[in-house]
């Protein structure tokens, strides 16, 4: 025999009202029906829940434990009902976003905070990848959105441009390259280049901004790359928003490369018509666009 969940509601009202008569009145039931429901639960559990020699309806120690667990169950069921009602309004159960580590996280986190304040039932999962790994993960996981520096386009993709990001070719102030002027490609190739490793499984992405030298160190993220640059391990490209303070303090300096030491790219917020965005996905998209726009005003 299964436990009657409503019996825990009866227990709760009994404790609050202090008597079977008052509990029956509040529950709009006959007192005998309330007594029967409690007795039936006690028989099922094999435990006395109430002290019947007291004037007020008081729980036994065992009853207090049972009621506490029953209240958890009632709350859990209420949560399920709440989720079901929100899902019926068009909120999807899960929203997965893949982000390129070259993009600024502040506007993304602000958009996520605004989304969380709405207390939606949708679970949000953010995953960070690099270069070709962003699109690979987007397709492999059947994710909902990707914020990507570059990608292989297709007829089903729906891109929305985000504000431009500038990358700067930098080196530690203590590195020999910091004091050189009008450096040629040949001269750069004699030094260690620091770059980010493609996180795709087959490493198929070819970074056209690499300088083609034999001394290349591949790192797994921009924070690691920044640390390596600060140590004077080599030179490399960095998004300007990650090194503003280091540049202003002179700890990192812009490499005087004859081919140019800055380039800009336009990241994209991409979804696919194969997996149309639900209500939370559409809302998060608008919040992302707003936060990136405010970052550049």
Protein backbone atom coordinates (compact mmCIF):
# COMPACT_ATOMS: atom_id res chain seq x y z
CA UNK A 1 0.00 0.00 0.00
CA UNK A 2 1.34 3.44 -0.93
CA UNK A 3 1.50 6.32 1.52
CA UNK A 4 -1.30 8.85 1.18
CA UNK A 5 0.58 12.10 0.59
CA UNK A 6 -2.44 14.14 1.70
CA UNK A 7 -2.06 12.59 5.15
CA UNK A 8 1.07 14.70 5.69
CA UNK A 9 -0.98 17.83 4.97
CA UNK A 10 -3.44 16.66 7.63
CA UNK A 11 -0.60 16.13 10.13
CA UNK A 12 0.70 19.63 9.49
CA UNK A 13 -2.71 21.23 10.02
CA UNK A 14 -3.28 19.16 13.15
CA UNK A 15 -0.06 20.43 14.69
CA UNK A 16 -0.85 24.03 13.72
CA UNK A 17 -4.44 23.89 15.05
CA UNK A 18 -3.75 21.74 18.10
CA UNK A 19 -6.93 19.63 17.91
CA UNK A 20 -8.71 17.23 15.59
CA UNK A 21 -11.89 19.33 15.72
CA UNK A 22 -10.18 22.56 14.62
CA UNK A 23 -8.14 20.73 11.99
CA UNK A 24 -11.32 19.16 10.58
CA UNK A 25 -12.98 22.55 10.43
CA UNK A 26 -10.02 24.09 8.59
CA UNK A 27 -9.78 21.18 6.17
CA UNK A 28 -13.55 21.17 5.58
CA UNK A 29 -13.74 17.51 6.60
CA UNK A 30 -15.57 15.54 9.23
CA UNK A 31 -13.53 14.99 12.39
CA UNK A 32 -13.93 11.23 11.95
CA UNK A 33 -12.40 11.50 8.44
CA UNK A 34 -9.36 13.34 9.82
CA UNK A 35 -8.94 10.78 12.61
CA UNK A 36 -9.27 7.92 10.13
CA UNK A 37 -6.64 9.41 7.79
CA UNK A 38 -4.12 9.79 10.65
CA UNK A 39 -4.86 6.29 11.97
CA UNK A 40 -4.45 4.81 8.51
CA UNK A 41 -1.03 6.48 8.15
CA UNK A 42 0.05 5.23 11.59
CA UNK A 43 -0.95 1.67 10.70
CA UNK A 44 0.89 1.87 7.40
CA UNK A 45 4.08 3.16 9.04
CA UNK A 46 3.76 1.06 12.21
CA UNK A 47 4.41 4.16 14.35
CA UNK A 48 2.27 6.21 16.75
CA UNK A 49 2.39 9.77 15.46
CA UNK A 50 0.32 11.53 18.15
CA UNK A 51 0.18 11.40 21.95
CA UNK A 52 -3.50 10.65 22.49
CA UNK A 53 -3.38 11.11 26.25
CA UNK A 54 -2.78 14.85 25.81
CA UNK A 55 -5.47 17.53 25.61
CA UNK A 56 -3.80 19.08 22.57
CA UNK A 57 -2.89 17.07 19.50
CA UNK A 58 0.86 16.73 20.06
CA UNK A 59 3.28 14.70 18.00
CA UNK A 60 5.34 11.91 19.47
CA UNK A 61 9.14 12.21 18.90
CA UNK A 62 8.72 9.72 16.06
CA UNK A 63 5.84 11.78 14.69
CA UNK A 64 8.00 14.92 14.64
CA UNK A 65 10.61 13.16 12.49
CA UNK A 66 7.96 11.71 10.18
CA UNK A 67 6.26 15.09 9.76
CA UNK A 68 9.59 16.80 9.01
CA UNK A 69 10.25 14.31 6.24
CA UNK A 70 6.66 14.60 5.06
CA UNK A 71 7.05 18.37 4.78
CA UNK A 72 10.07 17.85 2.55
CA UNK A 73 7.97 15.58 0.37
CA UNK A 74 5.16 18.14 0.18
CA UNK A 75 7.65 20.85 -0.79
CA UNK A 76 9.19 18.56 -3.41
CA UNK A 77 5.76 17.89 -4.92
CA UNK A 78 4.99 21.62 -4.88
CA UNK A 79 8.23 22.24 -6.74
CA UNK A 80 7.26 19.67 -9.37
CA UNK A 81 3.88 21.33 -9.83
CA UNK A 82 5.57 24.74 -10.13
CA UNK A 83 8.04 23.44 -12.71
CA UNK A 84 5.28 21.77 -14.70
CA UNK A 85 3.29 25.00 -14.78
CA UNK A 86 6.33 26.98 -15.97
CA UNK A 87 7.20 24.38 -18.63
CA UNK A 88 3.62 24.55 -19.86
CA UNK A 89 4.22 28.28 -20.36
CA UNK A 90 7.02 27.50 -22.81
CA UNK A 91 10.11 27.47 -20.55
CA UNK A 92 12.47 24.72 -21.69
CA UNK A 93 14.02 22.35 -19.08
CA UNK A 94 17.64 23.10 -20.11
CA UNK A 95 19.60 25.77 -21.97
CA UNK A 96 23.18 24.94 -23.02
CA UNK A 97 25.57 27.64 -24.25
CA UNK A 98 29.09 27.11 -25.63
CA UNK A 99 31.42 30.10 -25.26
CA UNK A 100 34.75 30.85 -26.92
CA UNK A 101 37.34 31.67 -24.26
CA UNK A 102 38.49 34.66 -26.34
CA UNK A 103 35.28 36.53 -25.54
CA UNK A 104 34.66 38.75 -22.48
CA UNK A 105 32.80 36.97 -19.70
CA UNK A 106 31.50 40.04 -17.84
CA UNK A 107 28.54 40.77 -20.16
CA UNK A 108 27.76 37.05 -20.29
CA UNK A 109 27.71 36.80 -16.49
CA UNK A 110 25.57 39.92 -16.17
CA UNK A 111 23.05 38.46 -18.61
CA UNK A 112 23.09 35.19 -16.66
CA UNK A 113 22.52 37.06 -13.39
CA UNK A 114 19.52 38.88 -14.85
CA UNK A 115 18.14 35.56 -16.06
CA UNK A 116 18.62 33.95 -12.63
CA UNK A 117 16.71 36.77 -10.92
CA UNK A 118 13.59 35.73 -12.85
CA UNK A 119 13.66 32.33 -11.07
CA UNK A 120 12.87 30.38 -14.21
CA UNK A 121 12.69 26.58 -14.14
CA UNK A 122 15.26 26.31 -16.95
CA UNK A 123 18.66 24.90 -15.97
CA UNK A 124 21.50 26.77 -17.68
CA UNK A 125 24.80 25.12 -18.59
CA UNK A 126 27.79 27.17 -19.79
CA UNK A 127 30.77 25.43 -21.36
CA UNK A 128 33.99 27.09 -22.53
CA UNK A 129 35.95 25.90 -25.54
CA UNK A 130 38.58 27.40 -27.83
CA UNK A 131 38.82 27.91 -31.60
CA UNK A 132 37.31 24.98 -33.52
CA UNK A 133 36.29 23.30 -30.26
CA UNK A 134 33.41 25.77 -29.83
CA UNK A 135 31.51 24.64 -32.91
CA UNK A 136 32.48 20.99 -32.37
CA UNK A 137 30.99 21.08 -28.85
CA UNK A 138 27.94 23.01 -30.09
CA UNK A 139 27.19 20.30 -32.65
CA UNK A 140 28.22 17.32 -30.51
CA UNK A 141 26.10 18.36 -27.51
CA UNK A 142 23.22 19.65 -29.66
CA UNK A 143 23.59 22.86 -27.67
CA UNK A 144 21.26 25.83 -27.99
CA UNK A 145 23.65 28.76 -28.46
CA UNK A 146 27.29 29.41 -29.15
CA UNK A 147 29.23 32.63 -28.69
CA UNK A 148 32.02 32.14 -31.15
CA UNK A 149 34.98 33.99 -32.63
CA UNK A 150 34.76 32.14 -35.94
CA UNK A 151 32.81 29.15 -37.25
CA UNK A 152 31.97 27.08 -40.31
CA UNK A 153 28.69 28.55 -41.50
CA UNK A 154 25.73 26.63 -42.92
CA UNK A 155 22.16 27.19 -44.11
CA UNK A 156 20.60 26.38 -40.74
CA UNK A 157 22.73 28.73 -38.64
CA UNK A 158 21.30 32.02 -37.39
CA UNK A 159 24.15 34.38 -36.42
CA UNK A 160 23.84 37.72 -34.66
CA UNK A 161 26.95 39.94 -34.61
CA UNK A 162 28.34 41.12 -31.29
CA UNK A 163 30.55 44.22 -30.84
CA UNK A 164 34.07 44.00 -32.23
CA UNK A 165 36.93 42.77 -30.06
CA UNK A 166 40.54 43.86 -30.55
CA UNK A 167 43.52 41.59 -29.94
CA UNK A 168 46.98 42.99 -29.28
CA UNK A 169 50.35 41.38 -29.94
CA UNK A 170 52.17 41.71 -26.61
CA UNK A 171 55.22 40.62 -24.69
CA UNK A 172 56.58 41.15 -21.20
CA UNK A 173 58.47 44.40 -20.64
CA UNK A 174 61.45 42.26 -19.62
CA UNK A 175 61.48 40.24 -22.86
CA UNK A 176 64.11 41.08 -25.52
CA UNK A 177 61.37 41.81 -28.08
CA UNK A 178 60.01 44.64 -25.93
CA UNK A 179 62.93 46.90 -26.87
CA UNK A 180 63.02 46.08 -30.60
CA UNK A 181 61.45 48.25 -33.30
CA UNK A 182 59.89 47.41 -36.69
CA UNK A 183 60.36 43.70 -36.15
CA UNK A 184 60.13 41.50 -39.23
CA UNK A 185 58.36 38.15 -39.41
CA UNK A 186 61.75 36.43 -39.62
CA UNK A 187 62.86 38.08 -36.38
CA UNK A 188 59.66 37.08 -34.55
CA UNK A 189 60.08 33.49 -35.65
CA UNK A 190 63.30 33.25 -33.66
CA UNK A 191 61.36 33.65 -30.41
CA UNK A 192 58.82 31.48 -28.59
CA UNK A 193 55.26 32.15 -29.71
CA UNK A 194 52.48 31.54 -27.18
CA UNK A 195 49.11 30.50 -28.56
CA UNK A 196 45.87 28.83 -27.51
CA UNK A 197 45.34 25.17 -28.29
CA UNK A 198 42.36 24.24 -30.43
CA UNK A 199 40.03 22.30 -28.11
CA UNK A 200 38.36 20.34 -30.92
CA UNK A 201 39.02 16.60 -30.95
CA UNK A 202 40.93 16.51 -34.24
CA UNK A 203 42.62 19.94 -33.89
CA UNK A 204 41.41 20.87 -37.36
CA UNK A 205 41.31 24.61 -36.80
CA UNK A 206 44.20 26.47 -38.41
CA UNK A 207 44.88 29.80 -36.72
CA UNK A 208 45.85 32.14 -39.54
CA UNK A 209 47.36 34.59 -37.05
CA UNK A 210 50.16 32.24 -36.04
CA UNK A 211 53.57 33.36 -37.21
CA UNK A 212 54.83 30.00 -38.50
CA UNK A 213 57.93 29.67 -36.37
CA UNK A 214 59.26 26.41 -34.93
CA UNK A 215 59.10 27.61 -31.31
CA UNK A 216 55.41 27.47 -30.44
CA UNK A 217 53.94 26.73 -27.01
CA UNK A 218 50.25 25.72 -27.02
CA UNK A 219 48.34 26.66 -23.87
CA UNK A 220 44.86 25.61 -22.76
CA UNK A 221 43.40 29.00 -21.88
CA UNK A 222 43.96 32.75 -21.87
CA UNK A 223 44.66 32.99 -18.15
CA UNK A 224 47.50 30.50 -18.54
CA UNK A 225 48.69 32.40 -21.62
CA UNK A 226 48.61 35.69 -19.73
CA UNK A 227 50.70 34.19 -16.90
CA UNK A 228 53.22 32.86 -19.43
CA UNK A 229 53.44 36.29 -21.09
CA UNK A 230 53.97 38.02 -17.75
CA UNK A 231 56.81 35.60 -16.99
CA UNK A 232 58.53 36.53 -20.26
CA UNK A 233 58.15 33.06 -21.72
CA UNK A 234 57.28 34.38 -25.17
CA UNK A 235 55.06 36.70 -27.22
CA UNK A 236 51.48 36.30 -28.39
CA UNK A 237 48.08 37.75 -29.16
CA UNK A 238 45.75 38.68 -26.28
CA UNK A 239 42.24 40.19 -26.25
CA UNK A 240 42.69 43.77 -25.06
CA UNK A 241 40.02 43.51 -22.34
CA UNK A 242 42.16 40.90 -20.55
CA UNK A 243 45.36 42.96 -20.41
CA UNK A 244 44.22 46.58 -20.03
CA UNK A 245 45.78 46.99 -16.57
CA UNK A 246 49.03 45.24 -17.49
CA UNK A 247 49.43 47.46 -20.55
CA UNK A 248 48.68 50.63 -18.59
CA UNK A 249 51.23 49.66 -15.91
CA UNK A 250 53.83 48.81 -18.54
CA UNK A 251 54.14 45.18 -17.41
CA UNK A 252 53.14 44.09 -20.90
CA UNK A 253 54.06 46.08 -24.00
CA UNK A 254 52.80 46.04 -27.55
CA UNK A 255 55.20 44.34 -29.95
CA UNK A 256 56.40 46.68 -32.69
CA UNK A 257 55.79 44.26 -35.55
CA UNK A 258 56.03 45.62 -39.09
CA UNK A 259 53.04 43.52 -40.12
CA UNK A 260 50.78 45.09 -37.49
CA UNK A 261 50.28 44.49 -33.78
CA UNK A 262 46.48 44.74 -33.59
CA UNK A 263 43.57 43.04 -35.28
CA UNK A 264 39.84 43.13 -34.67
CA UNK A 265 37.20 40.46 -35.11
CA UNK A 266 33.43 40.39 -34.84
CA UNK A 267 32.21 37.54 -32.62
CA UNK A 268 28.82 35.98 -33.31
CA UNK A 269 25.97 34.71 -31.18
CA UNK A 270 24.75 31.68 -33.11
CA UNK A 271 21.72 29.41 -32.88
CA UNK A 272 20.44 26.86 -35.37
CA UNK A 273 17.02 26.41 -36.96
CA UNK A 274 17.45 22.65 -36.43
CA UNK A 275 17.01 23.33 -32.70
CA UNK A 276 14.72 26.36 -32.38
CA UNK A 277 15.25 28.34 -29.21
CA UNK A 278 12.67 28.03 -26.47
CA UNK A 279 11.41 30.88 -24.36
CA UNK A 280 14.47 30.96 -22.06
CA UNK A 281 16.83 30.77 -25.02
CA UNK A 282 15.17 33.71 -26.73
CA UNK A 283 15.21 35.72 -23.51
CA UNK A 284 18.87 34.93 -22.82
CA UNK A 285 19.74 35.94 -26.39
CA UNK A 286 18.14 39.36 -25.91
CA UNK A 287 19.90 39.81 -22.54
CA UNK A 288 23.27 38.88 -24.05
CA UNK A 289 22.80 41.37 -26.89
CA UNK A 290 21.82 44.11 -24.42
CA UNK A 291 24.80 43.48 -22.13
CA UNK A 292 27.33 43.41 -24.96
CA UNK A 293 25.83 46.62 -26.35
CA UNK A 294 26.04 48.36 -22.94
CA UNK A 295 29.67 47.23 -22.62
CA UNK A 296 30.52 49.31 -25.67
CA UNK A 297 28.56 52.49 -24.93
